[in-house]
Amino acid sequence: MTRYESIISLGDNFIKLISKGLIPTHVLDWKVYYEAYLKEMDILQKQHGKPKKTRACGHVADDYKISERCMFSIIAFMEGC
């Protein structure tokens, strides 16, 4: 189970844990960025027939005004165990 799957499985408890200070607030931002990345990967796969990770990272990074390097770090975090 990846970290993203663990976060999703928490449901409403995720927000409660953030409000109690047990999970840092930036993890919520990262969740939003990662979900945008997944959506962008799906769109690119439909357009080109295969996923384009670098292009998807670039689009999401531009949309949210973060660096591509930061986006790659977020992906690595969310897909980690």
PDB file of N, CA and C in Angstrom:
ATOM      1  N   MET A   1       0.847  -1.177   0.000  1.00  0.00           N
ATOM      2  CA  MET A   1       0.000   0.000   0.000  1.00  0.00           C
ATOM      3  C   MET A   1       0.895   1.244   0.000  1.00  0.00           C
ATOM      4  N   THR A   2       0.643   2.139  -0.938  1.00  0.00           N
ATOM      5  CA  THR A   2       1.439   3.363  -1.024  1.00  0.00           C
ATOM      6  C   THR A   2       0.944   4.381   0.003  1.00  0.00           C
ATOM      7  N   ARG A   3       1.721   5.439   0.186  1.00  0.00           N
ATOM      8  CA  ARG A   3       1.303   6.488   1.123  1.00  0.00           C
ATOM      9  C   ARG A   3       0.006   7.137   0.647  1.00  0.00           C
ATOM     10  N   TYR A   4      -0.119   7.346  -0.654  1.00  0.00           N
ATOM     11  CA  TYR A   4      -1.339   7.951  -1.189  1.00  0.00           C
ATOM     12  C   TYR A   4      -2.554   7.079  -0.874  1.00  0.00           C
ATOM     13  N   GLU A   5      -2.436   5.788  -1.065  1.00  0.00           N
ATOM     14  CA  GLU A   5      -3.536   4.881  -0.748  1.00  0.00           C
ATOM     15  C   GLU A   5      -3.873   4.915   0.739  1.00  0.00           C
ATOM     16  N   SER A   6      -2.842   5.035   1.571  1.00  0.00           N
ATOM     17  CA  SER A   6      -3.073   5.140   3.020  1.00  0.00           C
ATOM     18  C   SER A   6      -3.824   6.419   3.367  1.00  0.00           C
ATOM     19  N   ILE A   7      -3.443   7.522   2.723  1.00  0.00           N
ATOM     20  CA  ILE A   7      -4.112   8.802   2.962  1.00  0.00           C
ATOM     21  C   ILE A   7      -5.565   8.717   2.531  1.00  0.00           C
ATOM     22  N   ILE A   8      -5.806   8.148   1.372  1.00  0.00           N
ATOM     23  CA  ILE A   8      -7.167   8.014   0.862  1.00  0.00           C
ATOM     24  C   ILE A   8      -8.014   7.140   1.790  1.00  0.00           C
ATOM     25  N   SER A   9      -7.411   6.077   2.313  1.00  0.00           N
ATOM     26  CA  SER A   9      -8.168   5.164   3.186  1.00  0.00           C
ATOM     27  C   SER A   9      -8.563   5.822   4.509  1.00  0.00           C
ATOM     28  N   LEU A  10      -7.878   6.893   4.895  1.00  0.00           N
ATOM     29  CA  LEU A  10      -8.232   7.593   6.128  1.00  0.00           C
ATOM     30  C   LEU A  10      -9.556   8.341   6.004  1.00  0.00           C
ATOM     31  N   GLY A  11      -9.909   8.735   4.791  1.00  0.00           N
ATOM     32  CA  GLY A  11     -11.168   9.456   4.571  1.00  0.00           C
ATOM     33  C   GLY A  11     -11.206  10.770   5.340  1.00  0.00           C
ATOM     34  N   ASP A  12     -12.291  11.021   6.064  1.00  0.00           N
ATOM     35  CA  ASP A  12     -12.451  12.264   6.825  1.00  0.00           C
ATOM     36  C   ASP A  12     -11.488  12.342   8.007  1.00  0.00           C
ATOM     37  N   ASN A  13     -10.980  11.210   8.446  1.00  0.00           N
ATOM     38  CA  ASN A  13     -10.028  11.213   9.557  1.00  0.00           C
ATOM     39  C   ASN A  13      -8.729  11.912   9.174  1.00  0.00           C
ATOM     40  N   PHE A  14      -8.418  11.958   7.891  1.00  0.00           N
ATOM     41  CA  PHE A  14      -7.206  12.647   7.426  1.00  0.00           C
ATOM     42  C   PHE A  14      -7.245  14.121   7.826  1.00  0.00           C
ATOM     43  N   ILE A  15      -8.375  14.779   7.585  1.00  0.00           N
ATOM     44  CA  ILE A  15      -8.524  16.193   7.948  1.00  0.00           C
ATOM     45  C   ILE A  15      -8.467  16.357   9.464  1.00  0.00           C
ATOM     46  N   LYS A  16      -9.065  15.436  10.198  1.00  0.00           N
ATOM     47  CA  LYS A  16      -9.028  15.506  11.661  1.00  0.00           C
ATOM     48  C   LYS A  16      -7.600  15.394  12.179  1.00  0.00           C
ATOM     49  N   LEU A  17      -6.811  14.496  11.572  1.00  0.00           N
ATOM     50  CA  LEU A  17      -5.415  14.333  11.992  1.00  0.00           C
ATOM     51  C   LEU A  17      -4.589  15.572  11.672  1.00  0.00           C
ATOM     52  N   ILE A  18      -4.904  16.239  10.574  1.00  0.00           N
ATOM     53  CA  ILE A  18      -4.218  17.497  10.247  1.00  0.00           C
ATOM     54  C   ILE A  18      -4.584  18.559  11.263  1.00  0.00           C
ATOM     55  N   SER A  19      -5.868  18.661  11.594  1.00  0.00           N
ATOM     56  CA  SER A  19      -6.303  19.686  12.547  1.00  0.00           C
ATOM     57  C   SER A  19      -5.725  19.459  13.938  1.00  0.00           C
ATOM     58  N   LYS A  20      -5.453  18.201  14.301  1.00  0.00           N
ATOM     59  CA  LYS A  20      -4.841  17.891  15.599  1.00  0.00           C
ATOM     60  C   LYS A  20      -3.321  18.084  15.572  1.00  0.00           C
ATOM     61  N   GLY A  21      -2.767  18.306  14.389  1.00  0.00           N
ATOM     62  CA  GLY A  21      -1.323  18.525  14.273  1.00  0.00           C
ATOM     63  C   GLY A  21      -0.521  17.240  14.158  1.00  0.00           C
ATOM     64  N   LEU A  22      -1.181  16.116  13.959  1.00  0.00           N
ATOM     65  CA  LEU A  22      -0.468  14.845  13.843  1.00  0.00           C
ATOM     66  C   LEU A  22       0.104  14.635  12.442  1.00  0.00           C
ATOM     67  N   ILE A  23      -0.521  15.255  11.446  1.00  0.00           N
ATOM     68  CA  ILE A  23      -0.029  15.218  10.074  1.00  0.00           C
ATOM     69  C   ILE A  23       0.210  16.663   9.649  1.00  0.00           C
ATOM     70  N   PRO A  24       1.385  16.964   9.086  1.00  0.00           N
ATOM     71  CA  PRO A  24       1.655  18.347   8.659  1.00  0.00           C
ATOM     72  C   PRO A  24       0.683  18.797   7.561  1.00  0.00           C
ATOM     73  N   THR A  25       0.359  20.081   7.547  1.00  0.00           N
ATOM     74  CA  THR A  25      -0.605  20.603   6.578  1.00  0.00           C
ATOM     75  C   THR A  25      -0.113  20.512   5.142  1.00  0.00           C
ATOM     76  N   HIS A  26       1.204  20.508   4.937  1.00  0.00           N
ATOM     77  CA  HIS A  26       1.702  20.454   3.563  1.00  0.00           C
ATOM     78  C   HIS A  26       1.371  19.119   2.887  1.00  0.00           C
ATOM     79  N   VAL A  27       1.098  18.093   3.668  1.00  0.00           N
ATOM     80  CA  VAL A  27       0.735  16.795   3.082  1.00  0.00           C
ATOM     81  C   VAL A  27      -0.610  16.914   2.359  1.00  0.00           C
ATOM     82  N   LEU A  28      -1.503  17.764   2.847  1.00  0.00           N
ATOM     83  CA  LEU A  28      -2.767  18.002   2.164  1.00  0.00           C
ATOM     84  C   LEU A  28      -2.511  18.682   0.809  1.00  0.00           C
ATOM     85  N   ASP A  29      -1.598  19.649   0.787  1.00  0.00           N
ATOM     86  CA  ASP A  29      -1.226  20.281  -0.481  1.00  0.00           C
ATOM     87  C   ASP A  29      -0.642  19.249  -1.439  1.00  0.00           C
ATOM     88  N   TRP A  30       0.241  18.404  -0.918  1.00  0.00           N
ATOM     89  CA  TRP A  30       0.866  17.378  -1.757  1.00  0.00           C
ATOM     90  C   TRP A  30      -0.176  16.416  -2.316  1.00  0.00           C
ATOM     91  N   LYS A  31      -1.189  16.110  -1.521  1.00  0.00           N
ATOM     92  CA  LYS A  31      -2.265  15.230  -1.985  1.00  0.00           C
ATOM     93  C   LYS A  31      -2.974  15.869  -3.177  1.00  0.00           C
ATOM     94  N   VAL A  32      -3.250  17.161  -3.087  1.00  0.00           N
ATOM     95  CA  VAL A  32      -3.907  17.876  -4.180  1.00  0.00           C
ATOM     96  C   VAL A  32      -3.025  17.868  -5.426  1.00  0.00           C
ATOM     97  N   TYR A  33      -1.727  18.140  -5.267  1.00  0.00           N
ATOM     98  CA  TYR A  33      -0.800  18.141  -6.401  1.00  0.00           C
ATOM     99  C   TYR A  33      -0.715  16.755  -7.034  1.00  0.00           C
ATOM    100  N   TYR A  34      -0.654  15.729  -6.196  1.00  0.00           N
ATOM    101  CA  TYR A  34      -0.529  14.359  -6.708  1.00  0.00           C
ATOM    102  C   TYR A  34      -1.800  13.948  -7.459  1.00  0.00           C
ATOM    103  N   GLU A  35      -2.955  14.332  -6.951  1.00  0.00           N
ATOM    104  CA  GLU A  35      -4.200  14.010  -7.636  1.00  0.00           C
ATOM    105  C   GLU A  35      -4.287  14.737  -8.980  1.00  0.00           C
ATOM    106  N   ALA A  36      -3.797  15.974  -9.037  1.00  0.00           N
ATOM    107  CA  ALA A  36      -3.754  16.698 -10.308  1.00  0.00           C
ATOM    108  C   ALA A  36      -2.797  16.001 -11.279  1.00  0.00           C
ATOM    109  N   TYR A  37      -1.685  15.503 -10.755  1.00  0.00           N
ATOM    110  CA  TYR A  37      -0.731  14.758 -11.577  1.00  0.00           C
ATOM    111  C   TYR A  37      -1.365  13.485 -12.134  1.00  0.00           C
ATOM    112  N   LEU A  38      -2.093  12.751 -11.308  1.00  0.00           N
ATOM    113  CA  LEU A  38      -2.757  11.533 -11.776  1.00  0.00           C
ATOM    114  C   LEU A  38      -3.774  11.846 -12.872  1.00  0.00           C
ATOM    115  N   LYS A  39      -4.508  12.929 -12.700  1.00  0.00           N
ATOM    116  CA  LYS A  39      -5.489  13.329 -13.701  1.00  0.00           C
ATOM    117  C   LYS A  39      -4.795  13.719 -15.011  1.00  0.00           C
ATOM    118  N   GLU A  40      -3.700  14.448 -14.895  1.00  0.00           N
ATOM    119  CA  GLU A  40      -2.930  14.860 -16.081  1.00  0.00           C
ATOM    120  C   GLU A  40      -2.330  13.645 -16.786  1.00  0.00           C
ATOM    121  N   MET A  41      -1.844  12.675 -16.021  1.00  0.00           N
ATOM    122  CA  MET A  41      -1.299  11.445 -16.617  1.00  0.00           C
ATOM    123  C   MET A  41      -2.383  10.715 -17.394  1.00  0.00           C
ATOM    124  N   ASP A  42      -3.583  10.676 -16.866  1.00  0.00           N
ATOM    125  CA  ASP A  42      -4.692  10.011 -17.544  1.00  0.00           C
ATOM    126  C   ASP A  42      -5.020  10.718 -18.860  1.00  0.00           C
ATOM    127  N   ILE A  43      -5.060  12.033 -18.819  1.00  0.00           N
ATOM    128  CA  ILE A  43      -5.344  12.810 -20.035  1.00  0.00           C
ATOM    129  C   ILE A  43      -4.262  12.569 -21.088  1.00  0.00           C
ATOM    130  N   LEU A  44      -3.001  12.620 -20.678  1.00  0.00           N
ATOM    131  CA  LEU A  44      -1.904  12.425 -21.630  1.00  0.00           C
ATOM    132  C   LEU A  44      -1.884  11.006 -22.181  1.00  0.00           C
ATOM    133  N   GLN A  45      -2.249  10.047 -21.361  1.00  0.00           N
ATOM    134  CA  GLN A  45      -2.281   8.668 -21.840  1.00  0.00           C
ATOM    135  C   GLN A  45      -3.376   8.501 -22.895  1.00  0.00           C
ATOM    136  N   LYS A  46      -4.501   9.146 -22.701  1.00  0.00           N
ATOM    137  CA  LYS A  46      -5.574   9.064 -23.684  1.00  0.00           C
ATOM    138  C   LYS A  46      -5.175   9.757 -24.996  1.00  0.00           C
ATOM    139  N   GLN A  47      -4.419  10.854 -24.888  1.00  0.00           N
ATOM    140  CA  GLN A  47      -4.017  11.593 -26.079  1.00  0.00           C
ATOM    141  C   GLN A  47      -2.892  10.910 -26.854  1.00  0.00           C
ATOM    142  N   HIS A  48      -1.913  10.360 -26.132  1.00  0.00           N
ATOM    143  CA  HIS A  48      -0.699   9.851 -26.768  1.00  0.00           C
ATOM    144  C   HIS A  48      -0.550   8.337 -26.702  1.00  0.00           C
ATOM    145  N   GLY A  49      -1.391   7.649 -25.972  1.00  0.00           N
ATOM    146  CA  GLY A  49      -1.315   6.196 -25.905  1.00  0.00           C
ATOM    147  C   GLY A  49      -0.378   5.650 -24.849  1.00  0.00           C
ATOM    148  N   LYS A  50       0.455   6.498 -24.293  1.00  0.00           N
ATOM    149  CA  LYS A  50       1.314   6.063 -23.192  1.00  0.00           C
ATOM    150  C   LYS A  50       1.519   7.241 -22.248  1.00  0.00           C
ATOM    151  N   PRO A  51       1.763   6.962 -20.975  1.00  0.00           N
ATOM    152  CA  PRO A  51       1.916   8.062 -20.012  1.00  0.00           C
ATOM    153  C   PRO A  51       3.196   8.855 -20.256  1.00  0.00           C
ATOM    154  N   LYS A  52       3.114  10.139 -20.054  1.00  0.00           N
ATOM    155  CA  LYS A  52       4.253  11.050 -20.215  1.00  0.00           C
ATOM    156  C   LYS A  52       4.501  11.737 -18.876  1.00  0.00           C
ATOM    157  N   LYS A  53       5.302  11.089 -18.031  1.00  0.00           N
ATOM    158  CA  LYS A  53       5.497  11.547 -16.652  1.00  0.00           C
ATOM    159  C   LYS A  53       6.100  12.945 -16.583  1.00  0.00           C
ATOM    160  N   THR A  54       7.128  13.201 -17.378  1.00  0.00           N
ATOM    161  CA  THR A  54       7.798  14.499 -17.319  1.00  0.00           C
ATOM    162  C   THR A  54       6.870  15.617 -17.772  1.00  0.00           C
ATOM    163  N   ARG A  55       6.116  15.369 -18.824  1.00  0.00           N
ATOM    164  CA  ARG A  55       5.189  16.385 -19.325  1.00  0.00           C
ATOM    165  C   ARG A  55       4.086  16.636 -18.302  1.00  0.00           C
ATOM    166  N   ALA A  56       3.570  15.576 -17.692  1.00  0.00           N
ATOM    167  CA  ALA A  56       2.524  15.726 -16.677  1.00  0.00           C
ATOM    168  C   ALA A  56       3.050  16.520 -15.486  1.00  0.00           C
ATOM    169  N   CYS A  57       4.268  16.221 -15.067  1.00  0.00           N
ATOM    170  CA  CYS A  57       4.874  16.972 -13.954  1.00  0.00           C
ATOM    171  C   CYS A  57       5.017  18.445 -14.304  1.00  0.00           C
ATOM    172  N   GLY A  58       5.437  18.709 -15.527  1.00  0.00           N
ATOM    173  CA  GLY A  58       5.597  20.096 -15.974  1.00  0.00           C
ATOM    174  C   GLY A  58       4.287  20.853 -15.965  1.00  0.00           C
ATOM    175  N   HIS A  59       3.228  20.231 -16.454  1.00  0.00           N
ATOM    176  CA  HIS A  59       1.925  20.893 -16.488  1.00  0.00           C
ATOM    177  C   HIS A  59       1.420  21.195 -15.081  1.00  0.00           C
ATOM    178  N   VAL A  60       1.516  20.215 -14.192  1.00  0.00           N
ATOM    179  CA  VAL A  60       1.039  20.417 -12.817  1.00  0.00           C
ATOM    180  C   VAL A  60       1.899  21.455 -12.100  1.00  0.00           C
ATOM    181  N   ALA A  61       3.206  21.389 -12.304  1.00  0.00           N
ATOM    182  CA  ALA A  61       4.109  22.365 -11.673  1.00  0.00           C
ATOM    183  C   ALA A  61       3.769  23.776 -12.129  1.00  0.00           C
ATOM    184  N   ASP A  62       3.498  23.956 -13.412  1.00  0.00           N
ATOM    185  CA  ASP A  62       3.118  25.274 -13.921  1.00  0.00           C
ATOM    186  C   ASP A  62       1.780  25.733 -13.349  1.00  0.00           C
ATOM    187  N   ASP A  63       0.826  24.820 -13.273  1.00  0.00           N
ATOM    188  CA  ASP A  63      -0.504  25.177 -12.767  1.00  0.00           C
ATOM    189  C   ASP A  63      -0.461  25.632 -11.313  1.00  0.00           C
ATOM    190  N   TYR A  64       0.367  24.975 -10.502  1.00  0.00           N
ATOM    191  CA  TYR A  64       0.404  25.272  -9.068  1.00  0.00           C
ATOM    192  C   TYR A  64       1.605  26.119  -8.652  1.00  0.00           C
ATOM    193  N   LYS A  65       2.370  26.585  -9.628  1.00  0.00           N
ATOM    194  CA  LYS A  65       3.521  27.464  -9.364  1.00  0.00           C
ATOM    195  C   LYS A  65       4.538  26.831  -8.406  1.00  0.00           C
ATOM    196  N   ILE A  66       4.863  25.551  -8.669  1.00  0.00           N
ATOM    197  CA  ILE A  66       5.919  24.875  -7.928  1.00  0.00           C
ATOM    198  C   ILE A  66       6.940  24.380  -8.945  1.00  0.00           C
ATOM    199  N   SER A  67       8.097  23.970  -8.478  1.00  0.00           N
ATOM    200  CA  SER A  67       9.127  23.502  -9.401  1.00  0.00           C
ATOM    201  C   SER A  67       8.850  22.061  -9.823  1.00  0.00           C
ATOM    202  N   GLU A  68       9.383  21.697 -10.981  1.00  0.00           N
ATOM    203  CA  GLU A  68       9.243  20.315 -11.435  1.00  0.00           C
ATOM    204  C   GLU A  68       9.951  19.375 -10.464  1.00  0.00           C
ATOM    205  N   ARG A  69      11.069  19.801  -9.939  1.00  0.00           N
ATOM    206  CA  ARG A  69      11.808  18.975  -8.976  1.00  0.00           C
ATOM    207  C   ARG A  69      10.952  18.696  -7.746  1.00  0.00           C
ATOM    208  N   CYS A  70      10.260  19.694  -7.276  1.00  0.00           N
ATOM    209  CA  CYS A  70       9.362  19.526  -6.127  1.00  0.00           C
ATOM    210  C   CYS A  70       8.255  18.529  -6.482  1.00  0.00           C
ATOM    211  N   MET A  71       7.742  18.633  -7.687  1.00  0.00           N
ATOM    212  CA  MET A  71       6.686  17.721  -8.121  1.00  0.00           C
ATOM    213  C   MET A  71       7.184  16.284  -8.164  1.00  0.00           C
ATOM    214  N   PHE A  72       8.394  16.069  -8.665  1.00  0.00           N
ATOM    215  CA  PHE A  72       8.968  14.722  -8.680  1.00  0.00           C
ATOM    216  C   PHE A  72       9.157  14.189  -7.261  1.00  0.00           C
ATOM    217  N   SER A  73       9.537  15.064  -6.335  1.00  0.00           N
ATOM    218  CA  SER A  73       9.684  14.650  -4.932  1.00  0.00           C
ATOM    219  C   SER A  73       8.340  14.258  -4.325  1.00  0.00           C
ATOM    220  N   ILE A  74       7.298  14.997  -4.670  1.00  0.00           N
ATOM    221  CA  ILE A  74       5.958  14.685  -4.174  1.00  0.00           C
ATOM    222  C   ILE A  74       5.502  13.333  -4.707  1.00  0.00           C
ATOM    223  N   ILE A  75       5.753  13.083  -5.983  1.00  0.00           N
ATOM    224  CA  ILE A  75       5.382  11.797  -6.585  1.00  0.00           C
ATOM    225  C   ILE A  75       6.120  10.655  -5.890  1.00  0.00           C
ATOM    226  N   ALA A  76       7.410  10.847  -5.660  1.00  0.00           N
ATOM    227  CA  ALA A  76       8.199   9.816  -4.989  1.00  0.00           C
ATOM    228  C   ALA A  76       7.661   9.566  -3.582  1.00  0.00           C
ATOM    229  N   PHE A  77       7.287  10.615  -2.869  1.00  0.00           N
ATOM    230  CA  PHE A  77       6.737  10.473  -1.530  1.00  0.00           C
ATOM    231  C   PHE A  77       5.411   9.704  -1.557  1.00  0.00           C
ATOM    232  N   MET A  78       4.517  10.130  -2.444  1.00  0.00           N
ATOM    233  CA  MET A  78       3.178   9.512  -2.497  1.00  0.00           C
ATOM    234  C   MET A  78       3.212   8.063  -2.966  1.00  0.00           C
ATOM    235  N   GLU A  79       4.147   7.738  -3.833  1.00  0.00           N
ATOM    236  CA  GLU A  79       4.219   6.367  -4.349  1.00  0.00           C
ATOM    237  C   GLU A  79       5.090   5.462  -3.490  1.00  0.00           C
ATOM    238  N   GLY A  80       5.709   6.029  -2.459  1.00  0.00           N
ATOM    239  CA  GLY A  80       6.520   5.242  -1.542  1.00  0.00           C
ATOM    240  C   GLY A  80       5.673   4.475  -0.547  1.00  0.00           C
ATOM    241  N   CYS A  81       6.334   3.589   0.174  1.00  0.00           N
ATOM    242  CA  CYS A  81       5.609   2.747   1.142  1.00  0.00           C
ATOM    243  C   CYS A  81       5.520   3.383   2.498  1.00  0.00           C
TER     244      CYS A  81
END
